[in-house]
Amino acid sequence: MPIAVDIDVMLAKRKMSVGELAERVGITPANLAVLKNGRAKAVRFSTLAALCEVLECQPGDLLRWETEEPADPTAGPASGSTAGPASGPTADSTMA
């Protein structure tokens, strides 16, 4: 995914645990893990604002854009690719 999430970097700088951040932001630790690990499809601005307030940072400290490496046309399908939508929780339904 071209958007990388650096919540773990800010947690380390602030010497804060995932559980403490989740509690202070008002989301579950599981939903924070989805976001932190880059598995979220979206994040609400209210959640992003709460993260920034608690971590005393700017949105750009938490999110950054990365270029995607072009696929090697001679390599065939990427390993681990699946057909259909990804399974698991989505940020639309789980991020408060």
PDB file of N, CA and C in Angstrom:
ATOM      1  N   MET A   1       0.848  -1.171   0.000  1.00  0.00           N
ATOM      2  CA  MET A   1       0.000   0.000   0.000  1.00  0.00           C
ATOM      3  C   MET A   1       0.896   1.237   0.000  1.00  0.00           C
ATOM      4  N   PRO A   2       0.570   2.228  -0.780  1.00  0.00           N
ATOM      5  CA  PRO A   2       1.451   3.394  -0.860  1.00  0.00           C
ATOM      6  C   PRO A   2       1.386   4.325   0.347  1.00  0.00           C
ATOM      7  N   ILE A   3       0.417   4.181   1.233  1.00  0.00           N
ATOM      8  CA  ILE A   3       0.367   4.992   2.445  1.00  0.00           C
ATOM      9  C   ILE A   3       0.911   4.158   3.600  1.00  0.00           C
ATOM     10  N   ALA A   4       1.991   4.628   4.206  1.00  0.00           N
ATOM     11  CA  ALA A   4       2.599   3.934   5.342  1.00  0.00           C
ATOM     12  C   ALA A   4       2.168   4.632   6.627  1.00  0.00           C
ATOM     13  N   VAL A   5       1.965   3.849   7.667  1.00  0.00           N
ATOM     14  CA  VAL A   5       1.519   4.371   8.955  1.00  0.00           C
ATOM     15  C   VAL A   5       2.669   4.236   9.948  1.00  0.00           C
ATOM     16  N   ASP A   6       3.024   5.356  10.581  1.00  0.00           N
ATOM     17  CA  ASP A   6       4.154   5.389  11.505  1.00  0.00           C
ATOM     18  C   ASP A   6       3.730   5.626  12.951  1.00  0.00           C
ATOM     19  N   ILE A   7       2.596   5.056  13.339  1.00  0.00           N
ATOM     20  CA  ILE A   7       2.136   5.220  14.719  1.00  0.00           C
ATOM     21  C   ILE A   7       3.139   4.621  15.688  1.00  0.00           C
ATOM     22  N   ASP A   8       3.743   3.491  15.318  1.00  0.00           N
ATOM     23  CA  ASP A   8       4.700   2.852  16.215  1.00  0.00           C
ATOM     24  C   ASP A   8       5.904   3.748  16.493  1.00  0.00           C
ATOM     25  N   VAL A   9       6.311   4.547  15.515  1.00  0.00           N
ATOM     26  CA  VAL A   9       7.425   5.477  15.707  1.00  0.00           C
ATOM     27  C   VAL A   9       7.054   6.529  16.754  1.00  0.00           C
ATOM     28  N   MET A  10       5.843   7.082  16.619  1.00  0.00           N
ATOM     29  CA  MET A  10       5.409   8.105  17.578  1.00  0.00           C
ATOM     30  C   MET A  10       5.184   7.501  18.968  1.00  0.00           C
ATOM     31  N   LEU A  11       4.695   6.264  19.013  1.00  0.00           N
ATOM     32  CA  LEU A  11       4.533   5.602  20.317  1.00  0.00           C
ATOM     33  C   LEU A  11       5.885   5.464  21.012  1.00  0.00           C
ATOM     34  N   ALA A  12       6.900   5.077  20.270  1.00  0.00           N
ATOM     35  CA  ALA A  12       8.234   4.925  20.852  1.00  0.00           C
ATOM     36  C   ALA A  12       8.775   6.278  21.324  1.00  0.00           C
ATOM     37  N   LYS A  13       8.587   7.328  20.514  1.00  0.00           N
ATOM     38  CA  LYS A  13       9.062   8.662  20.898  1.00  0.00           C
ATOM     39  C   LYS A  13       8.374   9.159  22.157  1.00  0.00           C
ATOM     40  N   ARG A  14       7.092   8.816  22.317  1.00  0.00           N
ATOM     41  CA  ARG A  14       6.314   9.282  23.465  1.00  0.00           C
ATOM     42  C   ARG A  14       6.363   8.291  24.635  1.00  0.00           C
ATOM     43  N   LYS A  15       7.052   7.163  24.420  1.00  0.00           N
ATOM     44  CA  LYS A  15       7.146   6.109  25.447  1.00  0.00           C
ATOM     45  C   LYS A  15       5.760   5.728  25.952  1.00  0.00           C
ATOM     46  N   MET A  16       4.875   5.437  24.982  1.00  0.00           N
ATOM     47  CA  MET A  16       3.485   5.120  25.282  1.00  0.00           C
ATOM     48  C   MET A  16       3.156   3.736  24.709  1.00  0.00           C
ATOM     49  N   SER A  17       2.325   2.987  25.404  1.00  0.00           N
ATOM     50  CA  SER A  17       1.917   1.664  24.924  1.00  0.00           C
ATOM     51  C   SER A  17       0.720   1.795  23.979  1.00  0.00           C
ATOM     52  N   VAL A  18       0.512   0.756  23.190  1.00  0.00           N
ATOM     53  CA  VAL A  18      -0.640   0.711  22.287  1.00  0.00           C
ATOM     54  C   VAL A  18      -1.929   0.776  23.102  1.00  0.00           C
ATOM     55  N   GLY A  19      -1.968   0.051  24.209  1.00  0.00           N
ATOM     56  CA  GLY A  19      -3.166   0.050  25.052  1.00  0.00           C
ATOM     57  C   GLY A  19      -3.485   1.426  25.612  1.00  0.00           C
ATOM     58  N   GLU A  20      -2.446   2.137  26.069  1.00  0.00           N
ATOM     59  CA  GLU A  20      -2.664   3.478  26.607  1.00  0.00           C
ATOM     60  C   GLU A  20      -3.152   4.429  25.519  1.00  0.00           C
ATOM     61  N   LEU A  21      -2.538   4.353  24.325  1.00  0.00           N
ATOM     62  CA  LEU A  21      -2.964   5.217  23.219  1.00  0.00           C
ATOM     63  C   LEU A  21      -4.408   4.922  22.841  1.00  0.00           C
ATOM     64  N   ALA A  22      -4.755   3.645  22.716  1.00  0.00           N
ATOM     65  CA  ALA A  22      -6.122   3.267  22.351  1.00  0.00           C
ATOM     66  C   ALA A  22      -7.123   3.819  23.359  1.00  0.00           C
ATOM     67  N   GLU A  23      -6.808   3.679  24.638  1.00  0.00           N
ATOM     68  CA  GLU A  23      -7.717   4.167  25.680  1.00  0.00           C
ATOM     69  C   GLU A  23      -7.873   5.686  25.604  1.00  0.00           C
ATOM     70  N   ARG A  24      -6.773   6.393  25.435  1.00  0.00           N
ATOM     71  CA  ARG A  24      -6.822   7.855  25.412  1.00  0.00           C
ATOM     72  C   ARG A  24      -7.499   8.396  24.154  1.00  0.00           C
ATOM     73  N   VAL A  25      -7.378   7.642  23.039  1.00  0.00           N
ATOM     74  CA  VAL A  25      -8.013   8.064  21.780  1.00  0.00           C
ATOM     75  C   VAL A  25      -9.486   7.677  21.769  1.00  0.00           C
ATOM     76  N   GLY A  26      -9.824   6.580  22.452  1.00  0.00           N
ATOM     77  CA  GLY A  26     -11.212   6.130  22.490  1.00  0.00           C
ATOM     78  C   GLY A  26     -11.539   5.077  21.450  1.00  0.00           C
ATOM     79  N   ILE A  27     -10.538   4.275  21.065  1.00  0.00           N
ATOM     80  CA  ILE A  27     -10.771   3.155  20.157  1.00  0.00           C
ATOM     81  C   ILE A  27     -10.227   1.888  20.810  1.00  0.00           C
ATOM     82  N   THR A  28     -10.612   0.749  20.287  1.00  0.00           N
ATOM     83  CA  THR A  28     -10.142  -0.505  20.868  1.00  0.00           C
ATOM     84  C   THR A  28      -8.698  -0.758  20.463  1.00  0.00           C
ATOM     85  N   PRO A  29      -7.950  -1.481  21.284  1.00  0.00           N
ATOM     86  CA  PRO A  29      -6.580  -1.840  20.908  1.00  0.00           C
ATOM     87  C   PRO A  29      -6.535  -2.623  19.593  1.00  0.00           C
ATOM     88  N   ALA A  30      -7.555  -3.453  19.346  1.00  0.00           N
ATOM     89  CA  ALA A  30      -7.595  -4.218  18.099  1.00  0.00           C
ATOM     90  C   ALA A  30      -7.726  -3.288  16.885  1.00  0.00           C
ATOM     91  N   ASN A  31      -8.576  -2.273  16.993  1.00  0.00           N
ATOM     92  CA  ASN A  31      -8.738  -1.333  15.890  1.00  0.00           C
ATOM     93  C   ASN A  31      -7.485  -0.488  15.698  1.00  0.00           C
ATOM     94  N   LEU A  32      -6.833  -0.128  16.780  1.00  0.00           N
ATOM     95  CA  LEU A  32      -5.578   0.608  16.664  1.00  0.00           C
ATOM     96  C   LEU A  32      -4.518  -0.260  15.998  1.00  0.00           C
ATOM     97  N   ALA A  33      -4.495  -1.546  16.315  1.00  0.00           N
ATOM     98  CA  ALA A  33      -3.535  -2.463  15.685  1.00  0.00           C
ATOM     99  C   ALA A  33      -3.782  -2.560  14.180  1.00  0.00           C
ATOM    100  N   VAL A  34      -5.057  -2.581  13.768  1.00  0.00           N
ATOM    101  CA  VAL A  34      -5.383  -2.619  12.336  1.00  0.00           C
ATOM    102  C   VAL A  34      -4.795  -1.398  11.639  1.00  0.00           C
ATOM    103  N   LEU A  35      -4.952  -0.256  12.248  1.00  0.00           N
ATOM    104  CA  LEU A  35      -4.407   0.980  11.677  1.00  0.00           C
ATOM    105  C   LEU A  35      -2.887   0.978  11.728  1.00  0.00           C
ATOM    106  N   LYS A  36      -2.330   0.645  12.871  1.00  0.00           N
ATOM    107  CA  LYS A  36      -0.883   0.673  13.085  1.00  0.00           C
ATOM    108  C   LYS A  36      -0.141  -0.265  12.143  1.00  0.00           C
ATOM    109  N   ASN A  37      -0.732  -1.401  11.857  1.00  0.00           N
ATOM    110  CA  ASN A  37      -0.081  -2.399  11.011  1.00  0.00           C
ATOM    111  C   ASN A  37      -0.357  -2.209   9.523  1.00  0.00           C
ATOM    112  N   GLY A  38      -1.031  -1.110   9.165  1.00  0.00           N
ATOM    113  CA  GLY A  38      -1.246  -0.811   7.752  1.00  0.00           C
ATOM    114  C   GLY A  38      -2.335  -1.632   7.091  1.00  0.00           C
ATOM    115  N   ARG A  39      -3.210  -2.249   7.870  1.00  0.00           N
ATOM    116  CA  ARG A  39      -4.280  -3.075   7.292  1.00  0.00           C
ATOM    117  C   ARG A  39      -5.586  -2.310   7.123  1.00  0.00           C
ATOM    118  N   ALA A  40      -5.655  -1.072   7.615  1.00  0.00           N
ATOM    119  CA  ALA A  40      -6.886  -0.282   7.510  1.00  0.00           C
ATOM    120  C   ALA A  40      -7.053   0.219   6.083  1.00  0.00           C
ATOM    121  N   LYS A  41      -8.280   0.243   5.623  1.00  0.00           N
ATOM    122  CA  LYS A  41      -8.598   0.776   4.301  1.00  0.00           C
ATOM    123  C   LYS A  41      -8.837   2.273   4.352  1.00  0.00           C
ATOM    124  N   ALA A  42      -9.197   2.775   5.534  1.00  0.00           N
ATOM    125  CA  ALA A  42      -9.505   4.192   5.702  1.00  0.00           C
ATOM    126  C   ALA A  42      -9.366   4.536   7.173  1.00  0.00           C
ATOM    127  N   VAL A  43      -9.281   5.833   7.438  1.00  0.00           N
ATOM    128  CA  VAL A  43      -9.280   6.318   8.816  1.00  0.00           C
ATOM    129  C   VAL A  43     -10.111   7.596   8.851  1.00  0.00           C
ATOM    130  N   ARG A  44     -10.958   7.700   9.836  1.00  0.00           N
ATOM    131  CA  ARG A  44     -11.778   8.906   9.971  1.00  0.00           C
ATOM    132  C   ARG A  44     -10.910  10.063  10.421  1.00  0.00           C
ATOM    133  N   PHE A  45     -11.239  11.253   9.944  1.00  0.00           N
ATOM    134  CA  PHE A  45     -10.499  12.434  10.356  1.00  0.00           C
ATOM    135  C   PHE A  45     -10.604  12.640  11.861  1.00  0.00           C
ATOM    136  N   SER A  46     -11.735  12.302  12.451  1.00  0.00           N
ATOM    137  CA  SER A  46     -11.879  12.465  13.901  1.00  0.00           C
ATOM    138  C   SER A  46     -10.919  11.546  14.652  1.00  0.00           C
ATOM    139  N   THR A  47     -10.696  10.337  14.137  1.00  0.00           N
ATOM    140  CA  THR A  47      -9.738   9.416  14.742  1.00  0.00           C
ATOM    141  C   THR A  47      -8.324   9.941  14.555  1.00  0.00           C
ATOM    142  N   LEU A  48      -8.012  10.411  13.353  1.00  0.00           N
ATOM    143  CA  LEU A  48      -6.692  10.967  13.073  1.00  0.00           C
ATOM    144  C   LEU A  48      -6.430  12.187  13.961  1.00  0.00           C
ATOM    145  N   ALA A  49      -7.432  13.041  14.116  1.00  0.00           N
ATOM    146  CA  ALA A  49      -7.284  14.228  14.969  1.00  0.00           C
ATOM    147  C   ALA A  49      -7.040  13.823  16.419  1.00  0.00           C
ATOM    148  N   ALA A  50      -7.753  12.805  16.898  1.00  0.00           N
ATOM    149  CA  ALA A  50      -7.569  12.344  18.278  1.00  0.00           C
ATOM    150  C   ALA A  50      -6.177  11.755  18.466  1.00  0.00           C
ATOM    151  N   LEU A  51      -5.703  11.000  17.485  1.00  0.00           N
ATOM    152  CA  LEU A  51      -4.346  10.452  17.550  1.00  0.00           C
ATOM    153  C   LEU A  51      -3.322  11.578  17.634  1.00  0.00           C
ATOM    154  N   CYS A  52      -3.492  12.593  16.788  1.00  0.00           N
ATOM    155  CA  CYS A  52      -2.564  13.727  16.781  1.00  0.00           C
ATOM    156  C   CYS A  52      -2.605  14.493  18.095  1.00  0.00           C
ATOM    157  N   GLU A  53      -3.792  14.652  18.663  1.00  0.00           N
ATOM    158  CA  GLU A  53      -3.922  15.369  19.928  1.00  0.00           C
ATOM    159  C   GLU A  53      -3.212  14.625  21.047  1.00  0.00           C
ATOM    160  N   VAL A  54      -3.459  13.327  21.145  1.00  0.00           N
ATOM    161  CA  VAL A  54      -2.865  12.531  22.216  1.00  0.00           C
ATOM    162  C   VAL A  54      -1.348  12.423  22.041  1.00  0.00           C
ATOM    163  N   LEU A  55      -0.894  12.222  20.800  1.00  0.00           N
ATOM    164  CA  LEU A  55       0.534  12.060  20.545  1.00  0.00           C
ATOM    165  C   LEU A  55       1.263  13.396  20.356  1.00  0.00           C
ATOM    166  N   GLU A  56       0.493  14.499  20.366  1.00  0.00           N
ATOM    167  CA  GLU A  56       1.063  15.837  20.178  1.00  0.00           C
ATOM    168  C   GLU A  56       1.928  15.880  18.920  1.00  0.00           C
ATOM    169  N   CYS A  57       1.289  15.567  17.786  1.00  0.00           N
ATOM    170  CA  CYS A  57       1.998  15.540  16.518  1.00  0.00           C
ATOM    171  C   CYS A  57       1.079  16.007  15.394  1.00  0.00           C
ATOM    172  N   GLN A  58       1.601  16.048  14.207  1.00  0.00           N
ATOM    173  CA  GLN A  58       0.857  16.407  13.020  1.00  0.00           C
ATOM    174  C   GLN A  58       0.484  15.134  12.248  1.00  0.00           C
ATOM    175  N   PRO A  59      -0.567  15.166  11.410  1.00  0.00           N
ATOM    176  CA  PRO A  59      -0.937  13.980  10.626  1.00  0.00           C
ATOM    177  C   PRO A  59       0.233  13.434   9.802  1.00  0.00           C
ATOM    178  N   GLY A  60       1.077  14.317   9.309  1.00  0.00           N
ATOM    179  CA  GLY A  60       2.235  13.881   8.524  1.00  0.00           C
ATOM    180  C   GLY A  60       3.267  13.120   9.333  1.00  0.00           C
ATOM    181  N   ASP A  61       3.196  13.230  10.667  1.00  0.00           N
ATOM    182  CA  ASP A  61       4.082  12.439  11.512  1.00  0.00           C
ATOM    183  C   ASP A  61       3.599  10.992  11.614  1.00  0.00           C
ATOM    184  N   LEU A  62       2.321  10.773  11.312  1.00  0.00           N
ATOM    185  CA  LEU A  62       1.726   9.440  11.422  1.00  0.00           C
ATOM    186  C   LEU A  62       1.554   8.744  10.081  1.00  0.00           C
ATOM    187  N   LEU A  63       1.371   9.525   9.018  1.00  0.00           N
ATOM    188  CA  LEU A  63       1.097   8.967   7.691  1.00  0.00           C
ATOM    189  C   LEU A  63       2.104   9.499   6.686  1.00  0.00           C
ATOM    190  N   ARG A  64       2.566   8.633   5.800  1.00  0.00           N
ATOM    191  CA  ARG A  64       3.442   9.085   4.712  1.00  0.00           C
ATOM    192  C   ARG A  64       3.159   8.264   3.462  1.00  0.00           C
ATOM    193  N   TRP A  65       3.426   8.874   2.334  1.00  0.00           N
ATOM    194  CA  TRP A  65       3.201   8.229   1.046  1.00  0.00           C
ATOM    195  C   TRP A  65       4.493   7.597   0.572  1.00  0.00           C
ATOM    196  N   GLU A  66       4.414   6.357   0.097  1.00  0.00           N
ATOM    197  CA  GLU A  66       5.553   5.641  -0.474  1.00  0.00           C
ATOM    198  C   GLU A  66       5.197   5.217  -1.887  1.00  0.00           C
ATOM    199  N   THR A  67       6.164   5.250  -2.757  1.00  0.00           N
ATOM    200  CA  THR A  67       5.915   4.757  -4.110  1.00  0.00           C
ATOM    201  C   THR A  67       5.836   3.240  -4.068  1.00  0.00           C
ATOM    202  N   GLU A  68       5.034   2.694  -4.947  1.00  0.00           N
ATOM    203  CA  GLU A  68       4.948   1.240  -5.054  1.00  0.00           C
ATOM    204  C   GLU A  68       5.975   0.781  -6.062  1.00  0.00           C
ATOM    205  N   GLU A  69       6.645  -0.317  -5.749  1.00  0.00           N
ATOM    206  CA  GLU A  69       7.614  -0.879  -6.677  1.00  0.00           C
ATOM    207  C   GLU A  69       6.861  -1.485  -7.854  1.00  0.00           C
ATOM    208  N   PRO A  70       7.277  -1.157  -9.098  1.00  0.00           N
ATOM    209  CA  PRO A  70       6.606  -1.767 -10.246  1.00  0.00           C
ATOM    210  C   PRO A  70       6.841  -3.273 -10.247  1.00  0.00           C
ATOM    211  N   ALA A  71       5.806  -3.998 -10.615  1.00  0.00           N
ATOM    212  CA  ALA A  71       5.893  -5.455 -10.661  1.00  0.00           C
ATOM    213  C   ALA A  71       6.771  -5.877 -11.833  1.00  0.00           C
ATOM    214  N   ASP A  72       7.536  -6.942 -11.629  1.00  0.00           N
ATOM    215  CA  ASP A  72       8.365  -7.502 -12.700  1.00  0.00           C
ATOM    216  C   ASP A  72       7.448  -8.292 -13.621  1.00  0.00           C
ATOM    217  N   PRO A  73       7.272  -7.841 -14.892  1.00  0.00           N
ATOM    218  CA  PRO A  73       6.330  -8.515 -15.785  1.00  0.00           C
ATOM    219  C   PRO A  73       6.725  -9.952 -16.091  1.00  0.00           C
ATOM    220  N   THR A  74       7.969 -10.332 -15.864  1.00  0.00           N
ATOM    221  CA  THR A  74       8.393 -11.706 -16.149  1.00  0.00           C
ATOM    222  C   THR A  74       8.241 -12.618 -14.943  1.00  0.00           C
ATOM    223  N   ALA A  75       7.882 -12.044 -13.788  1.00  0.00           N
ATOM    224  CA  ALA A  75       7.826 -12.830 -12.560  1.00  0.00           C
ATOM    225  C   ALA A  75       6.505 -13.576 -12.383  1.00  0.00           C
ATOM    226  N   GLY A  76       5.455 -13.223 -13.117  1.00  0.00           N
ATOM    227  CA  GLY A  76       4.169 -13.879 -12.943  1.00  0.00           C
ATOM    228  C   GLY A  76       3.405 -13.248 -11.798  1.00  0.00           C
ATOM    229  N   PRO A  77       2.315 -13.909 -11.340  1.00  0.00           N
ATOM    230  CA  PRO A  77       1.500 -13.341 -10.259  1.00  0.00           C
ATOM    231  C   PRO A  77       2.303 -13.219  -8.971  1.00  0.00           C
ATOM    232  N   ALA A  78       2.002 -12.196  -8.211  1.00  0.00           N
ATOM    233  CA  ALA A  78       2.672 -11.989  -6.928  1.00  0.00           C
ATOM    234  C   ALA A  78       2.264 -13.085  -5.963  1.00  0.00           C
ATOM    235  N   SER A  79       3.212 -13.547  -5.172  1.00  0.00           N
ATOM    236  CA  SER A  79       2.878 -14.588  -4.206  1.00  0.00           C
ATOM    237  C   SER A  79       1.965 -14.005  -3.139  1.00  0.00           C
ATOM    238  N   GLY A  80       1.047 -14.808  -2.694  1.00  0.00           N
ATOM    239  CA  GLY A  80       0.129 -14.375  -1.655  1.00  0.00           C
ATOM    240  C   GLY A  80      -1.063 -13.602  -2.178  1.00  0.00           C
ATOM    241  N   SER A  81      -1.160 -13.407  -3.485  1.00  0.00           N
ATOM    242  CA  SER A  81      -2.312 -12.670  -3.988  1.00  0.00           C
ATOM    243  C   SER A  81      -3.530 -13.571  -3.991  1.00  0.00           C
ATOM    244  N   THR A  82      -4.675 -12.959  -3.749  1.00  0.00           N
ATOM    245  CA  THR A  82      -5.923 -13.706  -3.712  1.00  0.00           C
ATOM    246  C   THR A  82      -6.952 -12.999  -4.548  1.00  0.00           C
ATOM    247  N   ALA A  83      -7.933 -13.730  -4.974  1.00  0.00           N
ATOM    248  CA  ALA A  83      -9.031 -13.125  -5.721  1.00  0.00           C
ATOM    249  C   ALA A  83     -10.078 -12.653  -4.740  1.00  0.00           C
ATOM    250  N   GLY A  84     -10.726 -11.540  -5.063  1.00  0.00           N
ATOM    251  CA  GLY A  84     -11.816 -11.070  -4.223  1.00  0.00           C
ATOM    252  C   GLY A  84     -11.338 -10.113  -3.158  1.00  0.00           C
ATOM    253  N   PRO A  85     -12.291  -9.599  -2.386  1.00  0.00           N
ATOM    254  CA  PRO A  85     -11.945  -8.621  -1.362  1.00  0.00           C
ATOM    255  C   PRO A  85     -11.177  -9.250  -0.212  1.00  0.00           C
ATOM    256  N   ALA A  86     -10.380  -8.462   0.451  1.00  0.00           N
ATOM    257  CA  ALA A  86      -9.620  -8.926   1.594  1.00  0.00           C
ATOM    258  C   ALA A  86     -10.563  -9.210   2.748  1.00  0.00           C
ATOM    259  N   SER A  87     -10.194 -10.200   3.555  1.00  0.00           N
ATOM    260  CA  SER A  87     -11.017 -10.516   4.702  1.00  0.00           C
ATOM    261  C   SER A  87     -10.512  -9.760   5.914  1.00  0.00           C
ATOM    262  N   GLY A  88     -11.300  -9.745   6.960  1.00  0.00           N
ATOM    263  CA  GLY A  88     -10.887  -9.088   8.190  1.00  0.00           C
ATOM    264  C   GLY A  88     -11.617  -7.778   8.383  1.00  0.00           C
ATOM    265  N   PRO A  89     -11.350  -7.127   9.502  1.00  0.00           N
ATOM    266  CA  PRO A  89     -12.054  -5.882   9.808  1.00  0.00           C
ATOM    267  C   PRO A  89     -11.613  -4.760   8.887  1.00  0.00           C
ATOM    268  N   THR A  90     -12.539  -3.868   8.604  1.00  0.00           N
ATOM    269  CA  THR A  90     -12.210  -2.694   7.797  1.00  0.00           C
ATOM    270  C   THR A  90     -12.297  -1.460   8.655  1.00  0.00           C
ATOM    271  N   ALA A  91     -11.558  -0.457   8.277  1.00  0.00           N
ATOM    272  CA  ALA A  91     -11.558   0.775   9.069  1.00  0.00           C
ATOM    273  C   ALA A  91     -12.906   1.456   9.016  1.00  0.00           C
ATOM    274  N   ASP A  92     -13.627   1.300   7.880  1.00  0.00           N
ATOM    275  CA  ASP A  92     -14.932   1.957   7.764  1.00  0.00           C
ATOM    276  C   ASP A  92     -15.878   1.507   8.862  1.00  0.00           C
ATOM    277  N   SER A  93     -15.821   0.216   9.208  1.00  0.00           N
ATOM    278  CA  SER A  93     -16.767  -0.287  10.181  1.00  0.00           C
ATOM    279  C   SER A  93     -16.187  -0.359  11.586  1.00  0.00           C
ATOM    280  N   THR A  94     -14.848  -0.256  11.728  1.00  0.00           N
ATOM    281  CA  THR A  94     -14.284  -0.460  13.039  1.00  0.00           C
ATOM    282  C   THR A  94     -13.592   0.750  13.618  1.00  0.00           C
ATOM    283  N   MET A  95     -13.210   1.709  12.839  1.00  0.00           N
ATOM    284  CA  MET A  95     -12.512   2.883  13.363  1.00  0.00           C
ATOM    285  C   MET A  95     -13.513   3.933  13.826  1.00  0.00           C
ATOM    286  N   ALA A  96     -13.514   4.247  15.071  1.00  0.00           N
ATOM    287  CA  ALA A  96     -14.453   5.244  15.610  1.00  0.00           C
ATOM    288  C   ALA A  96     -13.924   6.627  15.438  1.00  0.00           C
TER     289      ALA A  96
END
